[in-house]
């Protein structure tokens, strides 16, 4: 997997990670979503069941809809300008996606995290600060980035756990994969990189999807980090085209 050259966005996220404080109050647990990842509703006087089922440590690419499945994944948000537009576009096309959220963004915009969950989409942990050099850092640093982001996302969502972990820029390590899997987050890769972060033009993004979708089902888009208007234009064309080709929209395997 090629790494993204997102240094400006990384710097802003690292600054945000240092400057954002933890929100004071947590929202109520959304039982229906929590049950999808193995949590059960508790009696009022019982302690919460924090156990999670460990998942596979290898990097997932396949779709739970089988050979004709396709997974739409959306990275780096949530963002107040672009995430609502992405959500509306997905709704208009009857598509569920996986949102790989940066911890500081989730913490800053909990209402958007809840909107993603309410739309039937899944959550993915994309670390606290999107450090694409994570694989060169200590295990203690990797742990902080993954576990702090997990807590931020769970709190922002109202109790819904991220079901996947995507390393920024694909900077996985054996340690980070095992740590994520032990917390019920399947390491998540991609097959088709639209390179929308570089804003190559929506026509180029669409052409990339059409050319590379045969190589695997998981497609990478972004809803934060700058102007995402080209991403929206590409999705408007790509989503109907994929359905016309006989693809079924699903989620990455767990």
Protein backbone atom coordinates (compact mmCIF):
# COMPACT_ATOMS: atom_id res chain seq x y z
CA UNK A 1 0.00 0.00 0.00
CA UNK A 2 1.38 3.37 -1.01
CA UNK A 3 1.60 5.98 1.71
CA UNK A 4 -0.31 9.24 1.49
CA UNK A 5 1.68 12.45 1.42
CA UNK A 6 -0.48 14.38 3.87
CA UNK A 7 2.11 16.22 5.93
CA UNK A 8 0.15 19.51 6.26
CA UNK A 9 -2.95 17.68 7.48
CA UNK A 10 -0.82 15.54 9.79
CA UNK A 11 0.69 18.66 11.39
CA UNK A 12 -2.73 20.17 12.03
CA UNK A 13 -3.98 16.92 13.53
CA UNK A 14 -0.93 16.56 15.76
CA UNK A 15 -1.51 20.09 17.02
CA UNK A 16 -5.15 19.29 17.61
CA UNK A 17 -4.20 16.18 19.55
CA UNK A 18 -2.23 18.32 21.97
CA UNK A 19 -4.81 21.05 22.26
CA UNK A 20 -8.17 19.29 22.49
CA UNK A 21 -9.47 18.41 25.96
CA UNK A 22 -11.71 15.48 26.81
CA UNK A 23 -15.44 16.23 26.77
CA UNK A 24 -17.01 16.25 30.20
CA UNK A 25 -20.12 14.15 29.64
CA UNK A 26 -20.71 10.92 27.66
CA UNK A 27 -23.89 10.25 25.69
CA UNK A 28 -26.05 7.18 26.33
CA UNK A 29 -25.14 3.83 24.77
CA UNK A 30 -26.92 2.98 21.54
CA UNK A 31 -27.94 -0.58 22.30
CA UNK A 32 -28.73 -1.68 18.75
CA UNK A 33 -25.31 -0.68 17.47
CA UNK A 34 -23.47 -2.00 20.51
CA UNK A 35 -25.02 -5.44 20.05
CA UNK A 36 -23.43 -5.63 16.59
CA UNK A 37 -20.01 -5.81 18.21
CA UNK A 38 -20.87 -8.16 21.03
CA UNK A 39 -21.96 -5.89 23.89
CA UNK A 40 -25.18 -6.73 25.72
CA UNK A 41 -27.51 -4.36 27.51
CA UNK A 42 -26.82 -4.33 31.25
CA UNK A 43 -29.18 -4.22 34.19
CA UNK A 44 -29.22 -0.79 35.77
CA UNK A 45 -27.23 -1.90 38.80
CA UNK A 46 -24.75 -4.04 36.85
CA UNK A 47 -21.28 -2.96 35.79
CA UNK A 48 -20.90 -2.48 32.02
CA UNK A 49 -19.58 -5.49 30.13
CA UNK A 50 -16.42 -4.16 28.49
CA UNK A 51 -15.31 -7.47 26.97
CA UNK A 52 -14.83 -7.63 23.22
CA UNK A 53 -14.28 -10.57 20.92
CA UNK A 54 -10.78 -10.66 19.47
CA UNK A 55 -10.72 -10.61 15.67
CA UNK A 56 -8.15 -11.69 13.09
CA UNK A 57 -4.86 -9.79 13.00
CA UNK A 58 -4.31 -9.92 9.25
CA UNK A 59 -5.24 -6.86 7.19
CA UNK A 60 -8.74 -7.17 5.78
CA UNK A 61 -9.52 -6.29 2.18
CA UNK A 62 -12.46 -8.55 1.30
CA UNK A 63 -16.15 -7.64 1.48
CA UNK A 64 -18.78 -9.37 3.58
CA UNK A 65 -20.94 -9.38 0.44
CA UNK A 66 -18.67 -11.87 -1.28
CA UNK A 67 -16.91 -11.73 -4.66
CA UNK A 68 -19.29 -9.08 -6.03
CA UNK A 69 -19.14 -6.99 -2.87
CA UNK A 70 -17.62 -3.53 -2.64
CA UNK A 71 -16.62 -1.58 0.47
CA UNK A 72 -16.74 2.21 0.49
CA UNK A 73 -14.39 3.59 3.14
CA UNK A 74 -14.19 7.25 4.15
CA UNK A 75 -11.13 8.53 6.04
CA UNK A 76 -9.89 11.34 8.30
CA UNK A 77 -13.18 12.88 9.49
CA UNK A 78 -15.59 13.68 10.72
CA UNK A 79 -15.56 17.17 9.25
CA UNK A 80 -18.41 19.69 9.75
CA UNK A 81 -18.30 20.89 6.15
CA UNK A 82 -17.94 17.62 4.26
CA UNK A 83 -19.16 14.70 6.37
CA UNK A 84 -22.84 15.79 6.27
CA UNK A 85 -22.65 16.03 2.48
CA UNK A 86 -21.03 12.61 2.20
CA UNK A 87 -23.71 11.15 4.48
CA UNK A 88 -26.50 12.64 2.39
CA UNK A 89 -24.98 11.36 -0.83
CA UNK A 90 -24.63 7.86 0.62
CA UNK A 91 -28.23 7.98 1.82
CA UNK A 92 -29.46 9.11 -1.59
CA UNK A 93 -27.74 6.10 -3.16
CA UNK A 94 -28.72 3.59 -0.49
CA UNK A 95 -25.10 2.87 0.40
CA UNK A 96 -23.56 2.03 3.78
CA UNK A 97 -19.90 2.88 4.30
CA UNK A 98 -17.11 2.52 6.83
CA UNK A 99 -15.86 5.79 8.34
CA UNK A 100 -12.25 5.71 9.54
CA UNK A 101 -12.20 8.51 12.11
CA UNK A 102 -9.31 10.45 13.59
CA UNK A 103 -9.68 10.61 17.36
CA UNK A 104 -9.38 14.37 17.73
CA UNK A 105 -11.94 14.91 14.98
CA UNK A 106 -14.39 12.52 16.61
CA UNK A 107 -13.89 14.24 19.94
CA UNK A 108 -14.47 17.66 18.39
CA UNK A 109 -17.62 16.66 16.47
CA UNK A 110 -19.51 14.00 18.45
CA UNK A 111 -22.79 14.89 16.77
CA UNK A 112 -21.35 13.88 13.42
CA UNK A 113 -20.07 10.60 14.85
CA UNK A 114 -23.58 9.85 16.09
CA UNK A 115 -25.01 10.81 12.67
CA UNK A 116 -22.67 8.29 11.01
CA UNK A 117 -23.87 5.57 13.39
CA UNK A 118 -27.51 6.58 12.96
CA UNK A 119 -27.10 6.21 9.20
CA UNK A 120 -26.19 2.54 9.62
CA UNK A 121 -22.52 3.02 8.81
CA UNK A 122 -19.62 1.45 10.67
CA UNK A 123 -16.81 3.09 12.62
CA UNK A 124 -13.09 2.55 12.17
CA UNK A 125 -10.24 3.76 14.39
CA UNK A 126 -7.76 5.91 12.43
CA UNK A 127 -5.59 6.87 15.46
CA UNK A 128 -5.47 10.06 17.51
CA UNK A 129 -3.43 12.24 15.20
CA UNK A 130 -2.95 10.47 11.84
CA UNK A 131 0.80 10.00 12.12
CA UNK A 132 1.89 8.25 8.92
CA UNK A 133 5.24 7.42 10.51
CA UNK A 134 3.65 5.37 13.29
CA UNK A 135 5.46 2.24 12.22
CA UNK A 136 8.79 3.88 13.12
CA UNK A 137 7.65 4.80 16.64
CA UNK A 138 7.73 2.88 19.92
CA UNK A 139 5.09 0.36 20.91
CA UNK A 140 4.09 2.70 23.75
CA UNK A 141 3.40 5.46 21.21
CA UNK A 142 1.46 3.14 18.94
CA UNK A 143 -0.62 1.97 21.89
CA UNK A 144 -1.42 5.54 22.93
CA UNK A 145 -2.46 6.48 19.40
CA UNK A 146 -4.74 3.47 18.98
CA UNK A 147 -6.27 3.13 22.44
CA UNK A 148 -6.80 6.85 23.06
CA UNK A 149 -8.52 7.13 19.68
CA UNK A 150 -10.68 4.12 20.54
CA UNK A 151 -11.83 5.82 23.75
CA UNK A 152 -12.48 9.11 21.94
CA UNK A 153 -14.59 7.43 19.26
CA UNK A 154 -16.58 5.32 21.73
CA UNK A 155 -17.35 8.38 23.84
CA UNK A 156 -18.25 10.55 20.86
CA UNK A 157 -20.52 7.86 19.40
CA UNK A 158 -22.41 7.33 22.63
CA UNK A 159 -20.91 3.92 23.30
CA UNK A 160 -20.47 2.36 19.85
CA UNK A 161 -17.12 0.66 19.36
CA UNK A 162 -15.05 0.99 16.19
CA UNK A 163 -15.03 -2.36 14.40
CA UNK A 164 -11.85 -1.76 12.39
CA UNK A 165 -8.41 -0.16 12.70
CA UNK A 166 -6.76 1.52 9.73
CA UNK A 167 -3.18 2.68 10.18
CA UNK A 168 -2.52 6.16 8.74
CA UNK A 169 -0.92 5.78 5.34
CA UNK A 170 -0.92 2.01 5.82
CA UNK A 171 1.76 2.25 8.55
CA UNK A 172 0.82 -1.05 10.19
CA UNK A 173 3.14 -3.02 12.44
CA UNK A 174 2.72 -6.53 13.83
CA UNK A 175 2.27 -4.94 17.26
CA UNK A 176 -0.39 -2.45 16.15
CA UNK A 177 -2.33 -5.13 14.31
CA UNK A 178 -2.31 -7.45 17.32
CA UNK A 179 -3.27 -4.64 19.70
CA UNK A 180 -6.18 -3.55 17.51
CA UNK A 181 -7.39 -7.12 17.03
CA UNK A 182 -7.31 -7.74 20.78
CA UNK A 183 -9.73 -4.82 21.14
CA UNK A 184 -12.09 -6.19 18.48
CA UNK A 185 -10.84 -3.94 15.66
CA UNK A 186 -9.93 -5.79 12.47
CA UNK A 187 -6.95 -4.20 10.71
CA UNK A 188 -8.33 -2.65 7.53
CA UNK A 189 -6.51 -2.02 4.27
CA UNK A 190 -7.68 -0.87 0.87
CA UNK A 191 -7.45 -2.07 -2.73
CA UNK A 192 -8.39 1.06 -4.68
CA UNK A 193 -6.78 4.37 -3.71
CA UNK A 194 -8.64 7.17 -5.46
CA UNK A 195 -5.91 9.61 -4.33
CA UNK A 196 -8.69 12.12 -3.72
CA UNK A 197 -6.49 13.70 -1.06
CA UNK A 198 -4.35 15.07 -3.91
CA UNK A 199 -7.44 16.44 -5.71
CA UNK A 200 -6.51 15.01 -9.14
CA UNK A 201 -9.99 15.77 -10.52
CA UNK A 202 -13.16 13.77 -10.16
CA UNK A 203 -12.80 12.26 -13.65
CA UNK A 204 -9.41 10.85 -12.68
CA UNK A 205 -10.82 9.39 -9.46
CA UNK A 206 -13.69 7.74 -11.31
CA UNK A 207 -11.32 6.32 -13.89
CA UNK A 208 -9.13 4.90 -11.10
CA UNK A 209 -12.09 3.10 -9.54
CA UNK A 210 -13.25 1.68 -12.87
CA UNK A 211 -9.73 0.51 -13.71
CA UNK A 212 -8.78 -0.97 -10.33
CA UNK A 213 -11.99 -2.31 -8.77
CA UNK A 214 -11.28 -5.72 -10.28
CA UNK A 215 -8.17 -5.87 -8.06
CA UNK A 216 -10.21 -5.84 -4.85
CA UNK A 217 -13.34 -4.43 -3.25
CA UNK A 218 -12.22 -1.81 -0.71
CA UNK A 219 -12.18 1.75 -2.06
CA UNK A 220 -10.52 4.66 -0.24
CA UNK A 221 -12.05 8.15 -0.12
CA UNK A 222 -11.75 11.06 2.36
CA UNK A 223 -14.22 13.41 4.03
CA UNK A 224 -11.71 15.73 5.74
CA UNK A 225 -8.34 17.39 5.30
CA UNK A 226 -9.33 20.06 2.83
CA UNK A 227 -11.71 20.69 -0.07
CA UNK A 228 -13.56 17.42 -0.72
CA UNK A 229 -15.81 18.68 -3.50
CA UNK A 230 -14.03 16.47 -6.04
CA UNK A 231 -14.63 13.48 -3.79
CA UNK A 232 -18.35 14.23 -3.72
CA UNK A 233 -18.44 14.57 -7.51
CA UNK A 234 -16.60 11.27 -7.91
CA UNK A 235 -18.93 9.46 -5.51
CA UNK A 236 -21.99 10.75 -7.38
CA UNK A 237 -20.72 9.01 -10.50
CA UNK A 238 -19.01 5.98 -8.97
CA UNK A 239 -21.81 4.71 -6.71
CA UNK A 240 -24.47 4.29 -9.44
CA UNK A 241 -21.84 2.87 -11.82
CA UNK A 242 -20.81 0.19 -9.33
CA UNK A 243 -24.42 -0.87 -8.84
CA UNK A 244 -24.94 -0.99 -12.61
CA UNK A 245 -21.94 -3.34 -12.86
CA UNK A 246 -23.63 -5.74 -10.44
CA UNK A 247 -21.67 -4.88 -7.30
CA UNK A 248 -23.35 -5.06 -3.88
CA UNK A 249 -22.30 -2.55 -1.23
CA UNK A 250 -21.12 -4.11 2.01
CA UNK A 251 -18.62 -3.84 4.83
CA UNK A 252 -15.09 -5.18 5.15
CA UNK A 253 -14.91 -8.69 6.59
CA UNK A 254 -14.19 -9.04 10.29
